[in-house]
Amino acid sequence: MEFDWTGTTFEPEAVTRKDIEESFEDPFSIRIMPELDEVAGREARYFILGRSISNHPIFSVFWTDGKLYRVVFSRRMTPEEETFYDRKNSDPN
C-alpha cells in the first residue's frame, strides 16, 4: 500500500501520518464505500475507520486508484464512531 502525501491540504493535529497509515493496515478496519453520483471528472471518495498500532482510533476520507492512496482528510474518531467500530468488530456475523 503506497500513500501519496504530496500537496496534502490538511494539517493533522492529534493524528500523525504514521498513525493514519497504520489505521489502513488494521485488519479490523471498516471501509465505507458511499453511493456514487457518477459525476464526470469527479473522484470517488471513501471512508475508513481503523486503529493504529498504538491504538489511536482514526477516521479518514481518501481516494484510491487501487495502488496509490491519497488521504483527503483525517482525524481521531468521535465517540459515536468508536462505538460503531467496536460494535461492528464484536458482531459475530
PDB file of N, CA and C in Angstrom:
ATOM      1  N   MET A   1       0.858  -1.162   0.000  1.00  0.00           N
ATOM      2  CA  MET A   1       0.000   0.000   0.000  1.00  0.00           C
ATOM      3  C   MET A   1       0.909   1.232   0.000  1.00  0.00           C
ATOM      4  N   GLU A   2       0.720   2.091  -0.989  1.00  0.00           N
ATOM      5  CA  GLU A   2       1.515   3.304  -1.101  1.00  0.00           C
ATOM      6  C   GLU A   2       0.646   4.520  -0.888  1.00  0.00           C
ATOM      7  N   PHE A   3       1.166   5.487  -0.152  1.00  0.00           N
ATOM      8  CA  PHE A   3       0.439   6.724   0.109  1.00  0.00           C
ATOM      9  C   PHE A   3       1.092   7.874  -0.624  1.00  0.00           C
ATOM     10  N   ASP A   4       0.267   8.759  -1.155  1.00  0.00           N
ATOM     11  CA  ASP A   4       0.740   9.974  -1.806  1.00  0.00           C
ATOM     12  C   ASP A   4       0.423  11.136  -0.860  1.00  0.00           C
ATOM     13  N   TRP A   5       1.447  11.703  -0.240  1.00  0.00           N
ATOM     14  CA  TRP A   5       1.263  12.802   0.711  1.00  0.00           C
ATOM     15  C   TRP A   5       1.574  14.154   0.091  1.00  0.00           C
ATOM     16  N   THR A   6       1.883  14.203  -1.199  1.00  0.00           N
ATOM     17  CA  THR A   6       2.220  15.482  -1.825  1.00  0.00           C
ATOM     18  C   THR A   6       0.987  16.370  -1.888  1.00  0.00           C
ATOM     19  N   GLY A   7       1.181  17.615  -1.562  1.00  0.00           N
ATOM     20  CA  GLY A   7       0.090  18.581  -1.638  1.00  0.00           C
ATOM     21  C   GLY A   7      -1.024  18.339  -0.654  1.00  0.00           C
ATOM     22  N   THR A   8      -0.730  17.679   0.462  1.00  0.00           N
ATOM     23  CA  THR A   8      -1.754  17.431   1.478  1.00  0.00           C
ATOM     24  C   THR A   8      -2.262  18.769   1.999  1.00  0.00           C
ATOM     25  N   THR A   9      -3.567  18.952   1.993  1.00  0.00           N
ATOM     26  CA  THR A   9      -4.139  20.241   2.373  1.00  0.00           C
ATOM     27  C   THR A   9      -4.617  20.297   3.814  1.00  0.00           C
ATOM     28  N   PHE A  10      -4.550  19.201   4.545  1.00  0.00           N
ATOM     29  CA  PHE A  10      -4.967  19.238   5.942  1.00  0.00           C
ATOM     30  C   PHE A  10      -3.755  19.075   6.837  1.00  0.00           C
ATOM     31  N   GLU A  11      -3.843  19.630   8.005  1.00  0.00           N
ATOM     32  CA  GLU A  11      -2.767  19.539   8.987  1.00  0.00           C
ATOM     33  C   GLU A  11      -3.208  18.650  10.131  1.00  0.00           C
ATOM     34  N   PRO A  12      -2.742  17.412  10.169  1.00  0.00           N
ATOM     35  CA  PRO A  12      -3.134  16.558  11.281  1.00  0.00           C
ATOM     36  C   PRO A  12      -2.562  17.093  12.593  1.00  0.00           C
ATOM     37  N   GLU A  13      -3.437  17.306  13.558  1.00  0.00           N
ATOM     38  CA  GLU A  13      -3.001  17.831  14.848  1.00  0.00           C
ATOM     39  C   GLU A  13      -2.706  16.685  15.801  1.00  0.00           C
ATOM     40  N   ALA A  14      -3.700  15.896  16.110  1.00  0.00           N
ATOM     41  CA  ALA A  14      -3.520  14.793  17.054  1.00  0.00           C
ATOM     42  C   ALA A  14      -3.269  13.475  16.319  1.00  0.00           C
ATOM     43  N   VAL A  15      -3.167  13.545  14.998  1.00  0.00           N
ATOM     44  CA  VAL A  15      -3.008  12.335  14.189  1.00  0.00           C
ATOM     45  C   VAL A  15      -1.757  12.489  13.323  1.00  0.00           C
ATOM     46  N   THR A  16      -0.865  11.526  13.415  1.00  0.00           N
ATOM     47  CA  THR A  16       0.346  11.586  12.600  1.00  0.00           C
ATOM     48  C   THR A  16       0.147  10.774  11.312  1.00  0.00           C
ATOM     49  N   ARG A  17       1.006  11.003  10.343  1.00  0.00           N
ATOM     50  CA  ARG A  17       0.945  10.224   9.098  1.00  0.00           C
ATOM     51  C   ARG A  17       1.130   8.742   9.394  1.00  0.00           C
ATOM     52  N   LYS A  18       2.023   8.439  10.329  1.00  0.00           N
ATOM     53  CA  LYS A  18       2.266   7.043  10.698  1.00  0.00           C
ATOM     54  C   LYS A  18       0.991   6.406  11.251  1.00  0.00           C
ATOM     55  N   ASP A  19       0.274   7.117  12.140  1.00  0.00           N
ATOM     56  CA  ASP A  19      -0.996   6.611  12.682  1.00  0.00           C
ATOM     57  C   ASP A  19      -2.012   6.381  11.566  1.00  0.00           C
ATOM     58  N   ILE A  20      -2.068   7.312  10.630  1.00  0.00           N
ATOM     59  CA  ILE A  20      -3.013   7.195   9.511  1.00  0.00           C
ATOM     60  C   ILE A  20      -2.681   5.958   8.679  1.00  0.00           C
ATOM     61  N   GLU A  21      -1.423   5.804   8.311  1.00  0.00           N
ATOM     62  CA  GLU A  21      -1.013   4.653   7.502  1.00  0.00           C
ATOM     63  C   GLU A  21      -1.294   3.340   8.230  1.00  0.00           C
ATOM     64  N   GLU A  22      -1.022   3.313   9.533  1.00  0.00           N
ATOM     65  CA  GLU A  22      -1.271   2.100  10.315  1.00  0.00           C
ATOM     66  C   GLU A  22      -2.759   1.785  10.400  1.00  0.00           C
ATOM     67  N   SER A  23      -3.611   2.807  10.448  1.00  0.00           N
ATOM     68  CA  SER A  23      -5.059   2.564  10.525  1.00  0.00           C
ATOM     69  C   SER A  23      -5.577   1.892   9.256  1.00  0.00           C
ATOM     70  N   PHE A  24      -4.922   2.125   8.115  1.00  0.00           N
ATOM     71  CA  PHE A  24      -5.302   1.468   6.864  1.00  0.00           C
ATOM     72  C   PHE A  24      -4.918  -0.009   6.878  1.00  0.00           C
ATOM     73  N   GLU A  25      -3.913  -0.356   7.685  1.00  0.00           N
ATOM     74  CA  GLU A  25      -3.456  -1.742   7.772  1.00  0.00           C
ATOM     75  C   GLU A  25      -4.152  -2.519   8.881  1.00  0.00           C
ATOM     76  N   ASP A  26      -5.028  -1.859   9.628  1.00  0.00           N
ATOM     77  CA  ASP A  26      -5.789  -2.508  10.695  1.00  0.00           C
ATOM     78  C   ASP A  26      -6.657  -3.610  10.081  1.00  0.00           C
ATOM     79  N   PRO A  27      -6.460  -4.870  10.495  1.00  0.00           N
ATOM     80  CA  PRO A  27      -7.260  -5.956   9.912  1.00  0.00           C
ATOM     81  C   PRO A  27      -8.743  -5.864  10.261  1.00  0.00           C
ATOM     82  N   PHE A  28      -9.086  -5.053  11.252  1.00  0.00           N
ATOM     83  CA  PHE A  28     -10.480  -4.883  11.653  1.00  0.00           C
ATOM     84  C   PHE A  28     -11.060  -3.555  11.172  1.00  0.00           C
ATOM     85  N   SER A  29     -10.323  -2.844  10.319  1.00  0.00           N
ATOM     86  CA  SER A  29     -10.801  -1.547   9.840  1.00  0.00           C
ATOM     87  C   SER A  29     -12.120  -1.716   9.084  1.00  0.00           C
ATOM     88  N   ILE A  30     -12.888  -0.656   9.092  1.00  0.00           N
ATOM     89  CA  ILE A  30     -14.177  -0.649   8.402  1.00  0.00           C
ATOM     90  C   ILE A  30     -14.080   0.363   7.276  1.00  0.00           C
ATOM     91  N   ARG A  31     -14.213  -0.133   6.059  1.00  0.00           N
ATOM     92  CA  ARG A  31     -14.174   0.740   4.884  1.00  0.00           C
ATOM     93  C   ARG A  31     -15.602   0.945   4.399  1.00  0.00           C
ATOM     94  N   ILE A  32     -15.933   2.200   4.190  1.00  0.00           N
ATOM     95  CA  ILE A  32     -17.285   2.554   3.773  1.00  0.00           C
ATOM     96  C   ILE A  32     -17.204   3.152   2.377  1.00  0.00           C
ATOM     97  N   MET A  33     -17.923   2.526   1.470  1.00  0.00           N
ATOM     98  CA  MET A  33     -17.965   2.985   0.089  1.00  0.00           C
ATOM     99  C   MET A  33     -19.319   3.649  -0.154  1.00  0.00           C
ATOM    100  N   PRO A  34     -19.353   4.969  -0.242  1.00  0.00           N
ATOM    101  CA  PRO A  34     -20.633   5.658  -0.433  1.00  0.00           C
ATOM    102  C   PRO A  34     -21.212   5.403  -1.818  1.00  0.00           C
ATOM    103  N   GLU A  35     -22.506   5.624  -1.940  1.00  0.00           N
ATOM    104  CA  GLU A  35     -23.139   5.511  -3.253  1.00  0.00           C
ATOM    105  C   GLU A  35     -22.590   6.618  -4.134  1.00  0.00           C
ATOM    106  N   LEU A  36     -22.252   6.264  -5.365  1.00  0.00           N
ATOM    107  CA  LEU A  36     -21.646   7.235  -6.270  1.00  0.00           C
ATOM    108  C   LEU A  36     -22.700   7.922  -7.119  1.00  0.00           C
ATOM    109  N   ASP A  37     -22.502   9.214  -7.333  1.00  0.00           N
ATOM    110  CA  ASP A  37     -23.414  10.002  -8.156  1.00  0.00           C
ATOM    111  C   ASP A  37     -22.955  10.061  -9.610  1.00  0.00           C
ATOM    112  N   GLU A  38     -21.866   9.345  -9.922  1.00  0.00           N
ATOM    113  CA  GLU A  38     -21.327   9.295 -11.281  1.00  0.00           C
ATOM    114  C   GLU A  38     -21.238  10.675 -11.929  1.00  0.00           C
ATOM    115  N   VAL A  39     -20.614  11.605 -11.243  1.00  0.00           N
ATOM    116  CA  VAL A  39     -20.382  12.926 -11.798  1.00  0.00           C
ATOM    117  C   VAL A  39     -19.084  12.864 -12.595  1.00  0.00           C
ATOM    118  N   ALA A  40     -19.139  13.277 -13.836  1.00  0.00           N
ATOM    119  CA  ALA A  40     -17.971  13.189 -14.716  1.00  0.00           C
ATOM    120  C   ALA A  40     -16.810  14.007 -14.159  1.00  0.00           C
ATOM    121  N   GLY A  41     -15.623  13.407 -14.167  1.00  0.00           N
ATOM    122  CA  GLY A  41     -14.430  14.102 -13.734  1.00  0.00           C
ATOM    123  C   GLY A  41     -14.249  14.189 -12.231  1.00  0.00           C
ATOM    124  N   ARG A  42     -15.122  13.557 -11.492  1.00  0.00           N
ATOM    125  CA  ARG A  42     -15.042  13.620 -10.029  1.00  0.00           C
ATOM    126  C   ARG A  42     -14.550  12.291  -9.477  1.00  0.00           C
ATOM    127  N   GLU A  43     -13.599  12.360  -8.545  1.00  0.00           N
ATOM    128  CA  GLU A  43     -13.045  11.145  -7.960  1.00  0.00           C
ATOM    129  C   GLU A  43     -13.955  10.626  -6.863  1.00  0.00           C
ATOM    130  N   ALA A  44     -14.076   9.320  -6.778  1.00  0.00           N
ATOM    131  CA  ALA A  44     -14.861   8.699  -5.708  1.00  0.00           C
ATOM    132  C   ALA A  44     -14.087   8.832  -4.404  1.00  0.00           C
ATOM    133  N   ARG A  45     -14.780   9.214  -3.362  1.00  0.00           N
ATOM    134  CA  ARG A  45     -14.171   9.337  -2.042  1.00  0.00           C
ATOM    135  C   ARG A  45     -14.687   8.215  -1.159  1.00  0.00           C
ATOM    136  N   TYR A  46     -13.817   7.672  -0.348  1.00  0.00           N
ATOM    137  CA  TYR A  46     -14.156   6.577   0.543  1.00  0.00           C
ATOM    138  C   TYR A  46     -13.823   6.963   1.980  1.00  0.00           C
ATOM    139  N   PHE A  47     -14.385   6.216   2.927  1.00  0.00           N
ATOM    140  CA  PHE A  47     -14.159   6.464   4.346  1.00  0.00           C
ATOM    141  C   PHE A  47     -13.591   5.214   4.979  1.00  0.00           C
ATOM    142  N   ILE A  48     -12.769   5.393   5.998  1.00  0.00           N
ATOM    143  CA  ILE A  48     -12.233   4.253   6.724  1.00  0.00           C
ATOM    144  C   ILE A  48     -12.168   4.580   8.215  1.00  0.00           C
ATOM    145  N   LEU A  49     -12.567   3.607   9.006  1.00  0.00           N
ATOM    146  CA  LEU A  49     -12.431   3.674  10.460  1.00  0.00           C
ATOM    147  C   LEU A  49     -11.434   2.585  10.833  1.00  0.00           C
ATOM    148  N   GLY A  50     -10.344   2.967  11.470  1.00  0.00           N
ATOM    149  CA  GLY A  50      -9.337   1.982  11.841  1.00  0.00           C
ATOM    150  C   GLY A  50      -8.517   2.458  13.025  1.00  0.00           C
ATOM    151  N   ARG A  51      -7.744   1.546  13.573  1.00  0.00           N
ATOM    152  CA  ARG A  51      -6.883   1.869  14.719  1.00  0.00           C
ATOM    153  C   ARG A  51      -5.425   1.705  14.325  1.00  0.00           C
ATOM    154  N   SER A  52      -4.602   2.601  14.862  1.00  0.00           N
ATOM    155  CA  SER A  52      -3.154   2.496  14.639  1.00  0.00           C
ATOM    156  C   SER A  52      -2.598   1.444  15.588  1.00  0.00           C
ATOM    157  N   ILE A  53      -1.334   1.113  15.433  1.00  0.00           N
ATOM    158  CA  ILE A  53      -0.698   0.127  16.302  1.00  0.00           C
ATOM    159  C   ILE A  53      -0.725   0.594  17.752  1.00  0.00           C
ATOM    160  N   SER A  54      -0.623   1.912  17.956  1.00  0.00           N
ATOM    161  CA  SER A  54      -0.678   2.461  19.314  1.00  0.00           C
ATOM    162  C   SER A  54      -2.121   2.652  19.790  1.00  0.00           C
ATOM    163  N   ASN A  55      -3.073   2.050  19.069  1.00  0.00           N
ATOM    164  CA  ASN A  55      -4.499   2.019  19.422  1.00  0.00           C
ATOM    165  C   ASN A  55      -5.218   3.364  19.303  1.00  0.00           C
ATOM    166  N   HIS A  56      -4.682   4.275  18.488  1.00  0.00           N
ATOM    167  CA  HIS A  56      -5.386   5.532  18.244  1.00  0.00           C
ATOM    168  C   HIS A  56      -6.506   5.283  17.237  1.00  0.00           C
ATOM    169  N   PRO A  57      -7.742   5.671  17.575  1.00  0.00           N
ATOM    170  CA  PRO A  57      -8.854   5.483  16.647  1.00  0.00           C
ATOM    171  C   PRO A  57      -8.866   6.587  15.583  1.00  0.00           C
ATOM    172  N   ILE A  58      -8.775   6.208  14.312  1.00  0.00           N
ATOM    173  CA  ILE A  58      -8.624   7.169  13.217  1.00  0.00           C
ATOM    174  C   ILE A  58      -9.779   7.054  12.220  1.00  0.00           C
ATOM    175  N   PHE A  59     -10.316   8.206  11.817  1.00  0.00           N
ATOM    176  CA  PHE A  59     -11.308   8.309  10.745  1.00  0.00           C
ATOM    177  C   PHE A  59     -10.628   9.039   9.597  1.00  0.00           C
ATOM    178  N   SER A  60     -10.683   8.489   8.391  1.00  0.00           N
ATOM    179  CA  SER A  60     -10.070   9.142   7.235  1.00  0.00           C
ATOM    180  C   SER A  60     -10.999   9.119   6.027  1.00  0.00           C
ATOM    181  N   VAL A  61     -10.868  10.144   5.216  1.00  0.00           N
ATOM    182  CA  VAL A  61     -11.525  10.228   3.916  1.00  0.00           C
ATOM    183  C   VAL A  61     -10.393  10.128   2.895  1.00  0.00           C
ATOM    184  N   PHE A  62     -10.570   9.268   1.880  1.00  0.00           N
ATOM    185  CA  PHE A  62      -9.485   9.054   0.930  1.00  0.00           C
ATOM    186  C   PHE A  62     -10.025   8.693  -0.444  1.00  0.00           C
ATOM    187  N   TRP A  63      -9.145   8.714  -1.419  1.00  0.00           N
ATOM    188  CA  TRP A  63      -9.441   8.141  -2.742  1.00  0.00           C
ATOM    189  C   TRP A  63      -8.278   7.244  -3.099  1.00  0.00           C
ATOM    190  N   THR A  64      -8.539   6.333  -3.993  1.00  0.00           N
ATOM    191  CA  THR A  64      -7.503   5.403  -4.423  1.00  0.00           C
ATOM    192  C   THR A  64      -7.742   4.977  -5.865  1.00  0.00           C
ATOM    193  N   ASP A  65      -6.644   4.621  -6.516  1.00  0.00           N
ATOM    194  CA  ASP A  65      -6.755   4.028  -7.848  1.00  0.00           C
ATOM    195  C   ASP A  65      -6.468   2.531  -7.774  1.00  0.00           C
ATOM    196  N   GLY A  66      -6.424   2.002  -6.543  1.00  0.00           N
ATOM    197  CA  GLY A  66      -6.149   0.595  -6.330  1.00  0.00           C
ATOM    198  C   GLY A  66      -4.715   0.331  -5.909  1.00  0.00           C
ATOM    199  N   LYS A  67      -3.803   1.221  -6.272  1.00  0.00           N
ATOM    200  CA  LYS A  67      -2.397   1.093  -5.896  1.00  0.00           C
ATOM    201  C   LYS A  67      -1.968   2.218  -4.963  1.00  0.00           C
ATOM    202  N   LEU A  68      -2.357   3.410  -5.315  1.00  0.00           N
ATOM    203  CA  LEU A  68      -1.944   4.613  -4.598  1.00  0.00           C
ATOM    204  C   LEU A  68      -3.114   5.163  -3.794  1.00  0.00           C
ATOM    205  N   TYR A  69      -2.858   5.521  -2.553  1.00  0.00           N
ATOM    206  CA  TYR A  69      -3.885   6.090  -1.679  1.00  0.00           C
ATOM    207  C   TYR A  69      -3.549   7.544  -1.394  1.00  0.00           C
ATOM    208  N   ARG A  70      -4.554   8.409  -1.503  1.00  0.00           N
ATOM    209  CA  ARG A  70      -4.378   9.815  -1.139  1.00  0.00           C
ATOM    210  C   ARG A  70      -5.411  10.139  -0.067  1.00  0.00           C
ATOM    211  N   VAL A  71      -4.914  10.482   1.106  1.00  0.00           N
ATOM    212  CA  VAL A  71      -5.797  10.830   2.221  1.00  0.00           C
ATOM    213  C   VAL A  71      -6.182  12.296   2.062  1.00  0.00           C
ATOM    214  N   VAL A  72      -7.493  12.547   1.989  1.00  0.00           N
ATOM    215  CA  VAL A  72      -8.014  13.901   1.809  1.00  0.00           C
ATOM    216  C   VAL A  72      -8.173  14.585   3.160  1.00  0.00           C
ATOM    217  N   PHE A  73      -8.607  13.799   4.157  1.00  0.00           N
ATOM    218  CA  PHE A  73      -8.829  14.339   5.498  1.00  0.00           C
ATOM    219  C   PHE A  73      -8.714  13.212   6.495  1.00  0.00           C
ATOM    220  N   SER A  74      -8.197  13.527   7.681  1.00  0.00           N
ATOM    221  CA  SER A  74      -8.073  12.512   8.723  1.00  0.00           C
ATOM    222  C   SER A  74      -8.162  13.168  10.090  1.00  0.00           C
ATOM    223  N   ARG A  75      -8.755  12.442  11.039  1.00  0.00           N
ATOM    224  CA  ARG A  75      -8.903  12.930  12.411  1.00  0.00           C
ATOM    225  C   ARG A  75      -9.131  11.743  13.325  1.00  0.00           C
ATOM    226  N   ARG A  76      -9.146  11.989  14.634  1.00  0.00           N
ATOM    227  CA  ARG A  76      -9.494  10.927  15.578  1.00  0.00           C
ATOM    228  C   ARG A  76     -10.997  10.680  15.478  1.00  0.00           C
ATOM    229  N   MET A  77     -11.398   9.430  15.698  1.00  0.00           N
ATOM    230  CA  MET A  77     -12.824   9.084  15.663  1.00  0.00           C
ATOM    231  C   MET A  77     -13.574   9.812  16.774  1.00  0.00           C
ATOM    232  N   THR A  78     -14.836  10.124  16.501  1.00  0.00           N
ATOM    233  CA  THR A  78     -15.716  10.650  17.542  1.00  0.00           C
ATOM    234  C   THR A  78     -16.134   9.475  18.431  1.00  0.00           C
ATOM    235  N   PRO A  79     -16.672   9.743  19.624  1.00  0.00           N
ATOM    236  CA  PRO A  79     -17.145   8.641  20.476  1.00  0.00           C
ATOM    237  C   PRO A  79     -18.178   7.755  19.774  1.00  0.00           C
ATOM    238  N   GLU A  80     -19.052   8.353  18.968  1.00  0.00           N
ATOM    239  CA  GLU A  80     -20.060   7.576  18.251  1.00  0.00           C
ATOM    240  C   GLU A  80     -19.416   6.658  17.209  1.00  0.00           C
ATOM    241  N   GLU A  81     -18.395   7.159  16.519  1.00  0.00           N
ATOM    242  CA  GLU A  81     -17.691   6.345  15.531  1.00  0.00           C
ATOM    243  C   GLU A  81     -16.935   5.205  16.205  1.00  0.00           C
ATOM    244  N   GLU A  82     -16.339   5.476  17.369  1.00  0.00           N
ATOM    245  CA  GLU A  82     -15.651   4.412  18.115  1.00  0.00           C
ATOM    246  C   GLU A  82     -16.630   3.325  18.537  1.00  0.00           C
ATOM    247  N   THR A  83     -17.815   3.734  18.990  1.00  0.00           N
ATOM    248  CA  THR A  83     -18.848   2.771  19.381  1.00  0.00           C
ATOM    249  C   THR A  83     -19.247   1.927  18.181  1.00  0.00           C
ATOM    250  N   PHE A  84     -19.449   2.552  17.010  1.00  0.00           N
ATOM    251  CA  PHE A  84     -19.799   1.845  15.784  1.00  0.00           C
ATOM    252  C   PHE A  84     -18.702   0.849  15.421  1.00  0.00           C
ATOM    253  N   TYR A  85     -17.441   1.289  15.446  1.00  0.00           N
ATOM    254  CA  TYR A  85     -16.289   0.433  15.140  1.00  0.00           C
ATOM    255  C   TYR A  85     -16.259  -0.776  16.079  1.00  0.00           C
ATOM    256  N   ASP A  86     -16.374  -0.514  17.374  1.00  0.00           N
ATOM    257  CA  ASP A  86     -16.312  -1.594  18.367  1.00  0.00           C
ATOM    258  C   ASP A  86     -17.480  -2.563  18.204  1.00  0.00           C
ATOM    259  N   ARG A  87     -18.683  -2.028  17.953  1.00  0.00           N
ATOM    260  CA  ARG A  87     -19.861  -2.867  17.792  1.00  0.00           C
ATOM    261  C   ARG A  87     -19.744  -3.750  16.550  1.00  0.00           C
ATOM    262  N   LYS A  88     -19.288  -3.152  15.432  1.00  0.00           N
ATOM    263  CA  LYS A  88     -19.141  -3.923  14.193  1.00  0.00           C
ATOM    264  C   LYS A  88     -18.103  -5.039  14.337  1.00  0.00           C
ATOM    265  N   ASN A  89     -17.050  -4.779  15.092  1.00  0.00           N
ATOM    266  CA  ASN A  89     -15.992  -5.773  15.265  1.00  0.00           C
ATOM    267  C   ASN A  89     -16.321  -6.822  16.311  1.00  0.00           C
ATOM    268  N   SER A  90     -17.327  -6.574  17.127  1.00  0.00           N
ATOM    269  CA  SER A  90     -17.724  -7.593  18.111  1.00  0.00           C
ATOM    270  C   SER A  90     -18.913  -8.412  17.605  1.00  0.00           C
ATOM    271  N   ASP A  91     -19.500  -8.011  16.488  1.00  0.00           N
ATOM    272  CA  ASP A  91     -20.629  -8.715  15.899  1.00  0.00           C
ATOM    273  C   ASP A  91     -20.139 -10.014  15.254  1.00  0.00           C
ATOM    274  N   PRO A  92     -20.680 -11.181  15.683  1.00  0.00           N
ATOM    275  CA  PRO A  92     -20.203 -12.450  15.137  1.00  0.00           C
ATOM    276  C   PRO A  92     -20.578 -12.655  13.671  1.00  0.00           C
ATOM    277  N   ASN A  93     -21.529 -11.907  13.132  1.00  0.00           N
ATOM    278  CA  ASN A  93     -21.935 -12.072  11.729  1.00  0.00           C
ATOM    279  C   ASN A  93     -21.116 -11.188  10.906  1.00  0.00           C
TER     280      ASN A  93
END
